[in-house]
C-alpha atoms as a PDB file:
ATOM      1  CA  MET A   1       3.665  23.682  66.391  1.00  0.00           C
ATOM      2  CA  LEU A   2       0.698  21.372  65.846  1.00  0.00           C
ATOM      3  CA  SER A   3       2.314  18.541  67.810  1.00  0.00           C
ATOM      4  CA  VAL A   4       3.134  20.922  70.668  1.00  0.00           C
ATOM      5  CA  ALA A   5      -0.459  22.123  70.778  1.00  0.00           C
ATOM      6  CA  ILE A   6      -1.765  18.559  70.811  1.00  0.00           C
ATOM      7  CA  CYS A   7       0.500  17.507  73.677  1.00  0.00           C
ATOM      8  CA  PHE A   8      -0.422  20.614  75.669  1.00  0.00           C
ATOM      9  CA  LEU A   9      -4.151  20.192  75.158  1.00  0.00           C
ATOM     10  CA  ALA A  10      -3.954  16.488  75.974  1.00  0.00           C
ATOM     11  CA  MET A  11      -3.112  17.472  79.554  1.00  0.00           C
ATOM     12  CA  GLY A  12      -6.625  18.901  79.911  1.00  0.00           C
ATOM     13  CA  VAL A  13      -9.724  17.414  81.484  1.00  0.00           C
ATOM     14  CA  PHE A  14     -10.795  13.943  80.337  1.00  0.00           C
ATOM     15  CA  SER A  15     -14.212  13.725  82.014  1.00  0.00           C
ATOM     16  CA  VAL A  16     -13.949   9.922  82.081  1.00  0.00           C
ATOM     17  CA  ASN A  17     -16.377   7.871  84.173  1.00  0.00           C
ATOM     18  CA  ALA A  18     -15.251   6.698  87.606  1.00  0.00           C
ATOM     19  CA  ARG A  19     -13.616   3.295  88.059  1.00  0.00           C
ATOM     20  CA  THR A  20     -11.621   1.421  90.660  1.00  0.00           C
ATOM     21  CA  PHE A  21      -7.892   2.092  90.521  1.00  0.00           C
ATOM     22  CA  THR A  22      -5.337  -0.229  92.133  1.00  0.00           C
ATOM     23  CA  ASN A  23      -1.795   0.643  93.155  1.00  0.00           C
ATOM     24  CA  ASN A  24       1.176  -1.732  93.115  1.00  0.00           C
ATOM     25  CA  LYS A  25       0.494  -2.582  96.780  1.00  0.00           C
ATOM     26  CA  GLY A  26      -2.977  -3.859  95.997  1.00  0.00           C
ATOM     27  CA  GLU A  27      -4.735  -0.845  97.563  1.00  0.00           C
ATOM     28  CA  THR A  28      -7.801   0.444  95.707  1.00  0.00           C
ATOM     29  CA  ILE A  29      -9.688   3.709  95.346  1.00  0.00           C
ATOM     30  CA  ASP A  30     -12.787   4.657  93.383  1.00  0.00           C
ATOM     31  CA  ALA A  31     -11.963   7.701  91.321  1.00  0.00           C
ATOM     32  CA  GLU A  32     -12.411   9.483  88.011  1.00  0.00           C
ATOM     33  CA  LEU A  33      -9.536  10.123  85.631  1.00  0.00           C
ATOM     34  CA  VAL A  34      -9.295  13.890  85.260  1.00  0.00           C
ATOM     35  CA  SER A  35      -6.090  14.299  83.236  1.00  0.00           C
ATOM     36  CA  SER A  36      -2.709  12.756  82.656  1.00  0.00           C
ATOM     37  CA  THR A  37       0.815  13.429  81.471  1.00  0.00           C
ATOM     38  CA  GLY A  38       3.507  10.973  80.508  1.00  0.00           C
ATOM     39  CA  THR A  39       4.376  10.424  84.182  1.00  0.00           C
ATOM     40  CA  HIS A  40       1.381  11.369  86.345  1.00  0.00           C
ATOM     41  CA  ALA A  41      -2.394  11.054  86.431  1.00  0.00           C
ATOM     42  CA  VAL A  42      -4.827  13.332  88.237  1.00  0.00           C
ATOM     43  CA  LEU A  43      -7.611  11.312  89.862  1.00  0.00           C
ATOM     44  CA  LYS A  44     -10.734  12.730  91.489  1.00  0.00           C
ATOM     45  CA  LEU A  45     -12.045  10.637  94.358  1.00  0.00           C
ATOM     46  CA  THR A  46     -15.636   9.493  94.027  1.00  0.00           C
ATOM     47  CA  LYS A  47     -16.162  10.257  97.715  1.00  0.00           C
ATOM     48  CA  GLY A  48     -15.350  13.858  98.570  1.00  0.00           C
ATOM     49  CA  GLY A  49     -14.351  14.849  95.046  1.00  0.00           C
ATOM     50  CA  LYS A  50     -10.765  15.723  95.981  1.00  0.00           C
ATOM     51  CA  ASP A  51      -8.084  15.630  93.261  1.00  0.00           C
ATOM     52  CA  TYR A  52      -4.797  13.753  93.667  1.00  0.00           C
ATOM     53  CA  SER A  53      -1.805  13.693  91.353  1.00  0.00           C
ATOM     54  CA  ILE A  54      -0.450  10.142  91.325  1.00  0.00           C
ATOM     55  CA  PRO A  55       2.733   8.833  89.645  1.00  0.00           C
ATOM     56  CA  LEU A  56       1.743   6.348  86.954  1.00  0.00           C
ATOM     57  CA  SER A  57       4.509   4.016  88.120  1.00  0.00           C
ATOM     58  CA  THR A  58       2.655   3.432  91.386  1.00  0.00           C
ATOM     59  CA  LEU A  59      -0.480   2.124  89.655  1.00  0.00           C
ATOM     60  CA  SER A  60      -1.186  -1.379  88.405  1.00  0.00           C
ATOM     61  CA  LYS A  61      -0.279  -2.250  84.824  1.00  0.00           C
ATOM     62  CA  GLU A  62      -3.982  -2.515  83.994  1.00  0.00           C
ATOM     63  CA  ASP A  63      -4.572   1.026  85.222  1.00  0.00           C
ATOM     64  CA  GLN A  64      -1.490   2.345  83.429  1.00  0.00           C
ATOM     65  CA  ASP A  65      -2.720   0.748  80.187  1.00  0.00           C
ATOM     66  CA  TYR A  66      -6.188   2.233  80.737  1.00  0.00           C
ATOM     67  CA  ILE A  67      -4.794   5.727  81.290  1.00  0.00           C
ATOM     68  CA  ALA A  68      -2.480   5.431  78.284  1.00  0.00           C
ATOM     69  CA  LYS A  69      -5.429   4.382  76.117  1.00  0.00           C
ATOM     70  CA  GLU A  70      -7.545   7.320  77.298  1.00  0.00           C
ATOM     71  CA  ARG A  71      -4.658   9.703  76.689  1.00  0.00           C
ATOM     72  CA  THR A  72      -4.146   8.361  73.171  1.00  0.00           C
ATOM     73  CA  SER A  73      -7.856   8.680  72.439  1.00  0.00           C
ATOM     74  CA  ARG A  74      -7.840  12.278  73.633  1.00  0.00           C
ATOM     75  CA  ILE A  75      -4.775  13.148  71.559  1.00  0.00           C
ATOM     76  CA  GLU A  76      -6.414  11.663  68.457  1.00  0.00           C
ATOM     77  CA  ALA A  77      -9.630  13.592  69.122  1.00  0.00           C
ATOM     78  CA  ILE A  78      -7.667  16.829  69.527  1.00  0.00           C
ATOM     79  CA  ARG A  79      -5.621  16.099  66.407  1.00  0.00           C
ATOM     80  CA  LYS A  80      -8.838  15.603  64.415  1.00  0.00           C
ATOM     81  CA  GLU A  81     -10.385  18.781  65.824  1.00  0.00           C
ATOM     82  CA  LEU A  82      -7.303  20.880  65.022  1.00  0.00           C
ATOM     83  CA  SER A  83      -7.085  19.373  61.544  1.00  0.00           C
ATOM     84  CA  GLU A  84     -10.737  20.207  60.862  1.00  0.00           C
ATOM     85  CA  LYS A  85     -10.188  23.781  62.051  1.00  0.00           C
ATOM     86  CA  THR A  86      -7.117  24.103  59.810  1.00  0.00           C
ATOM     87  CA  GLU A  87      -9.089  22.814  56.819  1.00  0.00           C
ATOM     88  CA  ALA A  88     -11.973  25.161  57.590  1.00  0.00           C
ATOM     89  CA  ASN A  89      -9.614  28.155  57.794  1.00  0.00           C
ATOM     90  CA  SER A  90      -7.970  27.127  54.518  1.00  0.00           C
ATOM     91  CA  ALA A  91     -11.375  26.822  52.810  1.00  0.00           C
ATOM     92  CA  LYS A  92     -12.362  30.244  54.140  1.00  0.00           C
ATOM     93  CA  ASP A  93      -9.190  31.831  52.743  1.00  0.00           C
ATOM     94  CA  THR A  94      -9.785  30.185  49.371  1.00  0.00           C
ATOM     95  CA  THR A  95     -13.404  31.324  49.256  1.00  0.00           C
ATOM     96  CA  GLU A  96     -12.342  34.895  50.018  1.00  0.00           C
ATOM     97  CA  LYS A  97      -9.967  34.738  47.014  1.00  0.00           C
ATOM     98  CA  ILE A  98     -12.813  33.504  44.803  1.00  0.00           C
ATOM     99  CA  VAL A  99     -14.998  36.415  45.912  1.00  0.00           C
ATOM    100  CA  ALA A 100     -12.161  38.915  45.435  1.00  0.00           C
ATOM    101  CA  PHE A 101     -11.529  37.726  41.877  1.00  0.00           C
ATOM    102  CA  VAL A 102     -15.175  38.010  40.885  1.00  0.00           C
ATOM    103  CA  LYS A 103     -15.561  41.413  42.537  1.00  0.00           C
ATOM    104  CA  THR A 104     -12.463  42.749  40.785  1.00  0.00           C
ATOM    105  CA  ASN A 105     -13.904  41.765  37.423  1.00  0.00           C
ATOM    106  CA  LYS A 106     -17.293  43.408  37.780  1.00  0.00           C
ATOM    107  CA  SER A 107     -18.315  45.143  34.535  1.00  0.00           C
ATOM    108  CA  LYS A 108     -15.530  43.306  32.684  1.00  0.00           C
ATOM    109  CA  GLN A 109     -15.617  40.272  30.438  1.00  0.00           C
ATOM    110  CA  VAL A 110     -13.767  37.301  31.881  1.00  0.00           C
ATOM    111  CA  GLY A 111     -12.232  34.988  29.287  1.00  0.00           C
ATOM    112  CA  ASN A 112     -14.623  34.095  26.479  1.00  0.00           C
ATOM    113  CA  GLY A 113     -17.536  35.722  28.283  1.00  0.00           C
ATOM    114  CA  LYS A 114     -19.400  32.489  28.958  1.00  0.00           C
ATOM    115  CA  CYS A 115     -21.110  32.210  32.329  1.00  0.00           C
ATOM    116  CA  TRP A 116     -19.158  29.106  33.370  1.00  0.00           C
ATOM    117  CA  THR A 117     -15.840  30.810  32.613  1.00  0.00           C
ATOM    118  CA  LEU A 118     -16.288  33.378  35.406  1.00  0.00           C
ATOM    119  CA  ALA A 119     -16.524  30.736  38.135  1.00  0.00           C
ATOM    120  CA  ASN A 120     -13.831  28.588  36.547  1.00  0.00           C
ATOM    121  CA  GLU A 121     -11.339  31.451  36.321  1.00  0.00           C
ATOM    122  CA  ALA A 122     -12.153  32.471  39.906  1.00  0.00           C
ATOM    123  CA  PHE A 123     -11.411  28.940  41.098  1.00  0.00           C
ATOM    124  CA  LYS A 124      -8.156  28.894  39.136  1.00  0.00           C
ATOM    125  CA  ALA A 125      -7.098  32.253  40.579  1.00  0.00           C
ATOM    126  CA  ALA A 126      -7.823  30.994  44.113  1.00  0.00           C
ATOM    127  CA  GLU A 127      -6.152  27.616  43.407  1.00  0.00           C
ATOM    128  CA  ALA A 128      -9.395  25.952  44.473  1.00  0.00           C
ATOM    129  CA  LYS A 129      -9.810  22.325  43.462  1.00  0.00           C
ATOM    130  CA  ARG A 130     -13.232  20.996  42.601  1.00  0.00           C
ATOM    131  CA  PRO A 131     -14.413  17.489  43.592  1.00  0.00           C
ATOM    132  CA  VAL A 132     -12.632  14.909  41.453  1.00  0.00           C
ATOM    133  CA  GLY A 133     -14.780  12.945  39.016  1.00  0.00           C
ATOM    134  CA  LYS A 134     -17.963  14.908  39.718  1.00  0.00           C
ATOM    135  CA  GLY A 135     -18.161  16.835  36.435  1.00  0.00           C
ATOM    136  CA  LEU A 136     -17.370  20.367  35.315  1.00  0.00           C
ATOM    137  CA  LEU A 137     -20.476  21.896  36.849  1.00  0.00           C
ATOM    138  CA  VAL A 138     -19.936  20.577  40.369  1.00  0.00           C
ATOM    139  CA  TRP A 139     -18.093  23.048  42.583  1.00  0.00           C
ATOM    140  CA  GLY A 140     -18.224  21.549  46.091  1.00  0.00           C
ATOM    141  CA  ARG A 141     -20.800  20.533  48.669  1.00  0.00           C
ATOM    142  CA  VAL A 142     -24.447  21.027  47.790  1.00  0.00           C
ATOM    143  CA  VAL A 143     -26.030  23.711  49.976  1.00  0.00           C
ATOM    144  CA  ASP A 144     -29.473  22.913  51.382  1.00  0.00           C
ATOM    145  CA  TRP A 145     -30.965  26.379  51.042  1.00  0.00           C
ATOM    146  CA  SER A 146     -34.051  25.379  53.029  1.00  0.00           C
ATOM    147  CA  LYS A 147     -31.783  25.091  56.080  1.00  0.00           C
ATOM    148  CA  GLU A 148     -28.757  27.273  55.251  1.00  0.00           C
ATOM    149  CA  LYS A 149     -28.255  30.831  54.101  1.00  0.00           C
ATOM    150  CA  PHE A 150     -26.103  31.332  51.062  1.00  0.00           C
ATOM    151  CA  GLU A 151     -22.564  32.629  51.546  1.00  0.00           C
ATOM    152  CA  PRO A 152     -20.337  34.766  49.302  1.00  0.00           C
ATOM    153  CA  GLY A 153     -18.304  32.451  47.081  1.00  0.00           C
ATOM    154  CA  ASP A 154     -21.042  29.832  46.667  1.00  0.00           C
ATOM    155  CA  VAL A 155     -21.433  28.807  43.035  1.00  0.00           C
ATOM    156  CA  VAL A 156     -24.918  28.542  41.535  1.00  0.00           C
ATOM    157  CA  GLU A 157     -25.888  26.215  38.706  1.00  0.00           C
ATOM    158  CA  MET A 158     -29.245  26.949  37.055  1.00  0.00           C
ATOM    159  CA  ARG A 159     -30.988  24.777  34.506  1.00  0.00           C
ATOM    160  CA  ASP A 160     -33.891  26.362  32.604  1.00  0.00           C
ATOM    161  CA  ALA A 161     -34.643  28.270  35.805  1.00  0.00           C
ATOM    162  CA  LYS A 162     -37.556  30.685  35.515  1.00  0.00           C
ATOM    163  CA  PHE A 163     -37.751  33.703  37.842  1.00  0.00           C
ATOM    164  CA  PRO A 164     -39.851  36.882  37.700  1.00  0.00           C
ATOM    165  CA  ASN A 165     -36.723  38.761  36.539  1.00  0.00           C
ATOM    166  CA  GLY A 166     -35.675  36.326  33.837  1.00  0.00           C
ATOM    167  CA  THR A 167     -35.201  32.774  32.639  1.00  0.00           C
ATOM    168  CA  THR A 168     -31.826  31.069  32.295  1.00  0.00           C
ATOM    169  CA  GLY A 169     -30.740  28.845  29.453  1.00  0.00           C
ATOM    170  CA  PRO A 170     -30.223  25.073  29.792  1.00  0.00           C
ATOM    171  CA  ASN A 171     -27.168  25.809  31.961  1.00  0.00           C
ATOM    172  CA  HIS A 172     -26.228  29.049  33.664  1.00  0.00           C
ATOM    173  CA  THR A 173     -23.464  29.562  36.238  1.00  0.00           C
ATOM    174  CA  ALA A 174     -23.221  32.414  38.740  1.00  0.00           C
ATOM    175  CA  VAL A 175     -21.248  33.248  41.891  1.00  0.00           C
ATOM    176  CA  VAL A 176     -22.928  34.420  45.088  1.00  0.00           C
ATOM    177  CA  MET A 177     -21.541  37.748  46.292  1.00  0.00           C
ATOM    178  CA  LYS A 178     -24.063  38.678  48.989  1.00  0.00           C
ATOM    179  CA  LYS A 179     -26.252  36.488  51.152  1.00  0.00           C
ATOM    180  CA  GLY A 180     -29.854  37.529  51.472  1.00  0.00           C
ATOM    181  CA  THR A 181     -31.655  38.577  54.620  1.00  0.00           C
ATOM    182  CA  ARG A 182     -33.687  35.368  54.403  1.00  0.00           C
ATOM    183  CA  ARG A 183     -32.992  31.843  53.222  1.00  0.00           C
ATOM    184  CA  GLY A 184     -33.354  31.437  49.484  1.00  0.00           C
ATOM    185  CA  ILE A 185     -32.310  34.996  48.592  1.00  0.00           C
ATOM    186  CA  MET A 186     -28.918  35.764  47.062  1.00  0.00           C
ATOM    187  CA  THR A 187     -27.158  38.436  45.062  1.00  0.00           C
ATOM    188  CA  VAL A 188     -24.947  36.944  42.369  1.00  0.00           C
ATOM    189  CA  TYR A 189     -22.382  38.164  39.880  1.00  0.00           C
ATOM    190  CA  HIS A 190     -22.533  36.487  36.468  1.00  0.00           C
ATOM    191  CA  GLN A 191     -21.855  37.034  32.803  1.00  0.00           C
ATOM    192  CA  ASN A 192     -23.483  36.035  29.514  1.00  0.00           C
ATOM    193  CA  TRP A 193     -26.906  37.146  30.772  1.00  0.00           C
ATOM    194  CA  SER A 194     -29.426  38.677  28.352  1.00  0.00           C
ATOM    195  CA  GLY A 195     -26.703  38.935  25.744  1.00  0.00           C
ATOM    196  CA  ASN A 196     -24.313  40.838  28.021  1.00  0.00           C
ATOM    197  CA  LYS A 197     -20.947  39.086  28.351  1.00  0.00           C
ATOM    198  CA  SER A 198     -19.506  41.409  31.012  1.00  0.00           C
ATOM    199  CA  VAL A 199     -19.895  40.626  34.702  1.00  0.00           C
ATOM    200  CA  GLY A 200     -23.075  42.043  36.177  1.00  0.00           C
ATOM    201  CA  GLU A 201     -25.142  41.779  39.339  1.00  0.00           C
ATOM    202  CA  VAL A 202     -28.634  40.421  39.948  1.00  0.00           C
ATOM    203  CA  GLU A 203     -30.677  39.129  42.887  1.00  0.00           C
ATOM    204  CA  PHE A 204     -32.452  35.779  42.798  1.00  0.00           C
ATOM    205  CA  ASP A 205     -35.056  34.470  45.218  1.00  0.00           C
ATOM    206  CA  LEU A 206     -35.341  30.691  45.017  1.00  0.00           C
ATOM    207  CA  ARG A 207     -38.732  30.870  46.672  1.00  0.00           C
ATOM    208  CA  LYS A 208     -39.957  32.494  43.439  1.00  0.00           C
ATOM    209  CA  LEU A 209     -38.525  29.808  41.170  1.00  0.00           C
ATOM    210  CA  SER A 210     -41.497  28.744  39.052  1.00  0.00           C
ATOM    211  CA  SER A 211     -39.771  26.102  36.917  1.00  0.00           C
ATOM    212  CA  GLY A 212     -36.386  24.600  36.216  1.00  0.00           C
ATOM    213  CA  GLU A 213     -33.673  23.635  38.680  1.00  0.00           C
ATOM    214  CA  VAL A 214     -31.136  25.485  40.828  1.00  0.00           C
ATOM    215  CA  ILE A 215     -28.225  23.841  42.660  1.00  0.00           C
ATOM    216  CA  VAL A 216     -25.897  25.821  44.928  1.00  0.00           C
ATOM    217  CA  TYR A 217     -22.404  24.521  45.732  1.00  0.00           C
ATOM    218  CA  ARG A 218     -19.995  25.537  48.493  1.00  0.00           C
ATOM    219  CA  PHE A 219     -16.241  25.049  48.322  1.00  0.00           C
ATOM    220  CA  GLU A 220     -14.971  23.191  51.389  1.00  0.00           C
END
């Protein structure tokens, strides 16, 4: 299906700059390549702007090679775009599974009750793979919270982070379940907080972080 979609979309508009085309009789026209198939090219005349569908076999070899190159470039661009969309959709599905796992386990103890275990078990349940060789506490791309809002499924790593509503230990892991109304605000689910090993909910505002470090990761 992907190859069919690519071939279909490749018939669309190229928006390539005008050039001089020559047919096999030596006649020339100034035109813009609009689109092409395996047998024909649609050219828009520079003067008048009228479109003509021309058999590729009637054009010079140089022009045929040019059109073939543009067509290949377009197909590759479309292939890349479709691949990126497929990856994005796959990441979205995986993130939704992470969120669902954490939500299902609210008020329960996951595994040994350690904070890291909640995120790890959620990733395992969603079959989400973390970046290779980056360490156990790296869960994906780092989110720049000064420019991006947090999203459900983001994983938070806190190191001696001090907030008005509490201070974490040397390492504390949590999973974002709700994004805040403003950048820097998030509602997380976590466990092993204040001696409680069952999954609970708390809101953090990074703008009120007075000491320590917080890194937010996004699975992609």
